[in-house]
Amino acid sequence: MLEKYLETRLQKKKILLMTHIVLGYPSFEDSFKIIEAMVAAGVDLMELQIPFSEPIADGPVILQANQKALADGATVQKCLDFSRKIAQTFDIPFLFMTYYNILFKYGVERFAAAMAADGIKGAIVPDLPPEEGGEYLAAMQKHDLAPIFIFSPTTPDERMQYLSAFGQGFIYCVARKGVTGVDTDFSRQLGEYLGRCRRATKLPLALGFGVKEKADVDFLKGKADIAVIGSQTIRLVDNEGVGAVGGFIQNLR
């Protein structure tokens, strides 16, 4: 179970690292190499994004990666097949991140069954609130998968508590309004927001959107349980190549 894994891991580390990659970007072969380097560098868990043409929560860096992967022929089935290989090869939890249209077209129950069969532990679906996710939540429960919900700085306290009641694994706290890949102010205000998140849920807190360097990860110690690194690793691959990933991850600790 994902929560048990996180609990055990957090007894040994002050904060965990979760990375985010877009499957099939720059290619599936490169995706494997990136994952291999990240796991070797000590990443604790990873979200694998199934490419979608209109990823509304994502900024230009991840949007471009989605579009390139799709243009190069990344399909849902290819992503599922690749993820099975990944989950069998590496001993950390993998989650899917994608948008509801992908689940709807594939079939929600069929998608959840495929996730479970492939060894994926949960999913983040940013555009599916619990009020509209009855079929999804039932399928996730049936297959013992963690549905992960999102808090933002504008989420009221009561809404946070409501979302937490449906969530499992952890809560994904976005650092600010807007999309991924934009600078975040790691300040007292962010610390206060995370305190509000902490009071609203018993689940571990992951903080994403704007984590770029060791100073950001250090700031989050004692405030969040998981630091999420997404756009920055894609920028790194674009600018310096796959070989730069491992050292970058190691230097975040």
Protein backbone atom coordinates (compact mmCIF):
# COMPACT_ATOMS: atom_id res chain seq x y z
CA MET A 1 0.00 0.00 0.00
CA LEU A 2 1.35 3.41 -0.99
CA GLU A 3 0.73 5.12 2.37
CA LYS A 4 2.60 2.38 4.25
CA TYR A 5 5.57 2.69 1.89
CA LEU A 6 5.68 6.46 2.40
CA GLU A 7 5.38 6.11 6.17
CA THR A 8 8.30 3.67 6.28
CA ARG A 9 10.41 5.82 3.97
CA LEU A 10 9.73 8.97 5.99
CA GLN A 11 11.11 7.29 9.11
CA LYS A 12 14.51 7.29 7.36
CA LYS A 13 14.41 10.59 5.45
CA LYS A 14 13.34 14.13 6.32
CA ILE A 15 11.75 14.55 2.91
CA LEU A 16 11.12 12.28 -0.06
CA LEU A 17 11.70 13.08 -3.72
CA MET A 18 9.11 12.42 -6.41
CA THR A 19 9.97 13.10 -10.02
CA HIS A 20 7.67 13.55 -12.98
CA ILE A 21 8.37 12.47 -16.54
CA VAL A 22 6.31 12.51 -19.73
CA LEU A 23 6.23 8.99 -21.16
CA GLY A 24 7.74 8.78 -24.63
CA TYR A 25 9.69 12.02 -24.27
CA PRO A 26 12.22 12.48 -25.77
CA SER A 27 11.56 8.80 -26.70
CA PHE A 28 10.55 5.65 -24.83
CA GLU A 29 14.18 4.52 -24.92
CA ASP A 30 15.23 7.81 -23.33
CA SER A 31 12.35 7.61 -20.84
CA PHE A 32 13.77 4.30 -19.62
CA LYS A 33 17.26 5.80 -19.25
CA ILE A 34 15.88 8.81 -17.37
CA ILE A 35 13.92 6.59 -14.97
CA GLU A 36 16.96 4.35 -14.47
CA ALA A 37 19.13 7.39 -13.62
CA MET A 38 16.52 8.84 -11.27
CA VAL A 39 16.07 5.59 -9.35
CA ALA A 40 19.84 5.14 -9.07
CA ALA A 41 20.09 8.71 -7.73
CA GLY A 42 17.65 7.93 -4.91
CA VAL A 43 14.22 9.07 -6.08
CA ASP A 44 11.55 7.63 -3.76
CA LEU A 45 8.57 7.54 -6.13
CA MET A 46 7.70 8.77 -9.59
CA GLU A 47 4.73 10.04 -11.56
CA LEU A 48 4.55 8.92 -15.17
CA GLN A 49 2.52 11.28 -17.34
CA ILE A 50 0.51 9.73 -20.14
CA PRO A 51 0.69 12.36 -22.91
CA PHE A 52 -2.46 14.32 -23.71
CA SER A 53 -3.01 17.00 -26.34
CA GLU A 54 -4.44 19.59 -23.92
CA PRO A 55 -2.76 19.19 -20.50
CA ILE A 56 -4.50 22.11 -18.77
CA ALA A 57 -2.46 22.05 -15.53
CA ASP A 58 0.86 22.06 -17.33
CA GLY A 59 3.02 24.96 -18.45
CA PRO A 60 4.95 25.28 -21.72
CA VAL A 61 7.80 22.90 -20.83
CA ILE A 62 5.57 19.91 -20.05
CA LEU A 63 3.06 20.90 -22.76
CA GLN A 64 5.79 20.77 -25.38
CA ALA A 65 6.95 17.38 -24.07
CA ASN A 66 3.36 16.06 -24.32
CA GLN A 67 3.00 17.32 -27.88
CA LYS A 68 6.35 15.91 -28.99
CA ALA A 69 5.60 12.49 -27.45
CA LEU A 70 2.20 12.37 -29.17
CA ALA A 71 3.67 13.47 -32.51
CA ASP A 72 6.22 10.66 -32.21
CA GLY A 73 3.48 8.08 -31.74
CA ALA A 74 3.05 7.69 -27.97
CA THR A 75 -0.32 6.02 -27.35
CA VAL A 76 -2.09 5.02 -24.15
CA GLN A 77 -1.42 1.36 -24.90
CA LYS A 78 2.28 1.98 -25.51
CA CYS A 79 2.45 3.87 -22.21
CA LEU A 80 0.74 1.02 -20.36
CA ASP A 81 3.06 -1.57 -21.90
CA PHE A 82 6.13 0.55 -21.09
CA SER A 83 4.95 1.15 -17.53
CA ARG A 84 4.56 -2.57 -16.90
CA LYS A 85 8.21 -3.02 -17.84
CA ILE A 86 9.22 -0.10 -15.60
CA ALA A 87 7.27 -1.33 -12.56
CA GLN A 88 8.77 -4.80 -12.96
CA THR A 89 12.31 -3.43 -13.30
CA PHE A 90 12.52 -0.80 -10.55
CA ASP A 91 11.60 -1.19 -6.89
CA ILE A 92 9.86 2.13 -6.18
CA PRO A 93 6.18 3.06 -6.53
CA PHE A 94 5.07 4.49 -9.87
CA LEU A 95 1.92 6.56 -10.35
CA PHE A 96 0.14 7.71 -13.47
CA MET A 97 -0.62 11.36 -14.05
CA THR A 98 -3.01 12.15 -16.86
CA TYR A 99 -6.32 13.79 -17.71
CA TYR A 100 -9.83 12.37 -17.52
CA ASN A 101 -10.30 12.27 -21.30
CA ILE A 102 -7.65 9.53 -21.45
CA LEU A 103 -9.49 7.40 -18.88
CA PHE A 104 -12.88 8.09 -20.47
CA LYS A 105 -11.78 7.03 -23.95
CA TYR A 106 -9.92 3.94 -22.73
CA GLY A 107 -12.68 2.99 -20.29
CA VAL A 108 -12.34 3.88 -16.62
CA GLU A 109 -12.68 0.35 -15.23
CA ARG A 110 -10.48 -1.06 -17.98
CA PHE A 111 -7.84 1.59 -17.27
CA ALA A 112 -7.82 0.89 -13.52
CA ALA A 113 -7.57 -2.85 -14.17
CA ALA A 114 -4.62 -2.26 -16.51
CA MET A 115 -2.90 -0.06 -13.92
CA ALA A 116 -3.22 -2.75 -11.28
CA ALA A 117 -2.03 -5.47 -13.65
CA ASP A 118 0.97 -3.35 -14.61
CA GLY A 119 1.99 -2.69 -10.99
CA ILE A 120 1.13 1.04 -10.95
CA LYS A 121 0.17 2.19 -7.44
CA GLY A 122 -2.13 5.17 -8.02
CA ALA A 123 -3.12 8.08 -10.22
CA ILE A 124 -3.31 11.87 -10.30
CA VAL A 125 -6.12 13.14 -12.54
CA PRO A 126 -6.16 16.94 -12.08
CA ASP A 127 -9.39 17.62 -13.96
CA LEU A 128 -11.57 15.03 -12.18
CA PRO A 129 -13.10 16.20 -8.87
CA PRO A 130 -14.65 13.56 -6.58
CA GLU A 131 -18.17 14.85 -7.33
CA GLU A 132 -17.74 13.72 -10.95
CA GLY A 133 -15.50 10.75 -10.26
CA GLY A 134 -17.81 8.09 -8.85
CA GLU A 135 -16.91 5.49 -11.47
CA TYR A 136 -13.21 6.31 -11.17
CA LEU A 137 -13.20 6.13 -7.37
CA ALA A 138 -15.05 2.81 -7.39
CA ALA A 139 -12.62 1.35 -9.93
CA MET A 140 -9.60 2.58 -7.97
CA GLN A 141 -10.96 1.06 -4.76
CA LYS A 142 -11.77 -2.23 -6.49
CA HIS A 143 -8.19 -2.56 -7.73
CA ASP A 144 -6.53 -1.27 -4.52
CA LEU A 145 -5.13 1.84 -6.22
CA ALA A 146 -4.59 5.27 -4.66
CA PRO A 147 -6.61 8.19 -6.08
CA ILE A 148 -4.52 11.29 -5.37
CA PHE A 149 -6.26 14.66 -5.07
CA ILE A 150 -4.92 18.19 -5.31
CA PHE A 151 -4.93 21.17 -2.94
CA SER A 152 -4.08 24.69 -4.11
CA PRO A 153 -3.56 27.95 -2.20
CA THR A 154 -7.09 29.04 -3.14
CA THR A 155 -8.74 25.82 -1.90
CA PRO A 156 -10.91 26.64 1.16
CA ASP A 157 -10.25 24.65 4.35
CA GLU A 158 -13.60 22.83 4.14
CA ARG A 159 -12.90 21.82 0.55
CA MET A 160 -9.48 20.50 1.56
CA GLN A 161 -11.09 18.30 4.20
CA TYR A 162 -13.68 17.10 1.66
CA LEU A 163 -11.02 16.18 -0.91
CA SER A 164 -8.93 14.45 1.74
CA ALA A 165 -11.84 12.15 2.57
CA PHE A 166 -11.62 10.70 -0.96
CA GLY A 167 -7.83 10.70 -1.31
CA GLN A 168 -5.35 7.96 -0.60
CA GLY A 169 -1.56 7.76 -0.69
CA PHE A 170 -0.83 11.47 -0.32
CA ILE A 171 -2.20 14.89 -1.17
CA TYR A 172 -0.60 16.80 -4.03
CA CYS A 173 -0.28 20.44 -2.92
CA VAL A 174 0.37 22.84 -5.78
CA ALA A 175 2.59 25.69 -4.65
CA ARG A 176 0.60 28.40 -6.40
CA LYS A 177 -2.21 29.06 -8.82
CA GLY A 178 -1.50 28.56 -12.50
CA VAL A 179 0.48 25.94 -14.38
CA THR A 180 3.67 23.95 -13.89
CA GLY A 181 7.13 25.23 -14.68
CA VAL A 182 6.82 28.82 -13.43
CA ASP A 183 8.90 30.26 -10.59
CA THR A 184 7.53 29.74 -7.08
CA ASP A 185 8.29 31.99 -4.11
CA PHE A 186 9.57 29.69 -1.35
CA SER A 187 8.58 31.99 1.49
CA ARG A 188 6.70 32.27 4.75
CA GLN A 189 3.44 32.47 2.79
CA LEU A 190 4.11 29.07 1.22
CA GLY A 191 4.93 27.67 4.67
CA GLU A 192 1.62 28.98 6.03
CA TYR A 193 -0.26 27.40 3.13
CA LEU A 194 1.39 24.04 3.83
CA GLY A 195 0.42 24.39 7.48
CA ARG A 196 -3.18 24.81 6.36
CA CYS A 197 -2.86 21.71 4.17
CA ARG A 198 -1.41 19.75 7.10
CA ARG A 199 -4.34 20.64 9.35
CA ALA A 200 -6.82 19.49 6.69
CA THR A 201 -5.54 15.95 6.17
CA LYS A 202 -3.74 13.07 7.84
CA LEU A 203 -2.23 12.03 4.51
CA PRO A 204 1.38 12.92 3.62
CA LEU A 205 1.83 16.16 1.66
CA ALA A 206 3.62 16.44 -1.67
CA LEU A 207 4.55 19.93 -2.87
CA GLY A 208 4.95 20.56 -6.58
CA PHE A 209 5.06 23.41 -9.12
CA GLY A 210 8.39 25.23 -9.05
CA VAL A 211 10.79 22.94 -7.13
CA LYS A 212 14.10 23.45 -8.92
CA GLU A 213 17.06 23.18 -6.55
CA LYS A 214 18.36 21.92 -3.21
CA ALA A 215 17.40 25.17 -1.42
CA ASP A 216 13.75 24.57 -2.39
CA VAL A 217 13.87 20.99 -1.08
CA ASP A 218 15.56 22.13 2.14
CA PHE A 219 12.87 24.79 2.66
CA LEU A 220 10.19 22.10 2.45
CA LYS A 221 11.70 19.88 5.17
CA GLY A 222 9.37 19.88 8.16
CA LYS A 223 6.61 21.47 6.08
CA ALA A 224 5.93 18.85 3.40
CA ASP A 225 6.73 15.15 3.11
CA ILE A 226 7.50 14.91 -0.61
CA ALA A 227 9.17 17.41 -2.94
CA VAL A 228 8.02 17.04 -6.55
CA ILE A 229 10.41 17.85 -9.40
CA GLY A 230 8.88 17.99 -12.87
CA SER A 231 9.56 20.74 -15.37
CA GLN A 232 13.15 21.23 -14.21
CA THR A 233 14.25 17.72 -15.20
CA ILE A 234 12.63 18.12 -18.63
CA ARG A 235 14.51 21.41 -19.10
CA LEU A 236 17.70 19.63 -18.05
CA VAL A 237 17.19 16.84 -20.59
CA ASP A 238 16.45 19.42 -23.30
CA ASN A 239 19.53 21.51 -22.50
CA GLU A 240 22.14 19.01 -21.31
CA GLY A 241 20.88 15.55 -22.28
CA VAL A 242 19.79 12.45 -20.40
CA GLY A 243 23.22 12.00 -18.82
CA ALA A 244 22.76 15.11 -16.65
CA VAL A 245 19.73 13.76 -14.78
CA GLY A 246 21.39 11.55 -12.16
CA GLY A 247 23.76 14.21 -10.84
CA PHE A 248 20.98 16.79 -10.70
CA ILE A 249 18.78 14.50 -8.58
CA GLN A 250 21.65 13.58 -6.24
CA ASN A 251 22.39 17.27 -5.65
CA LEU A 252 18.83 17.94 -4.45
CA ARG A 253 19.45 16.09 -1.17
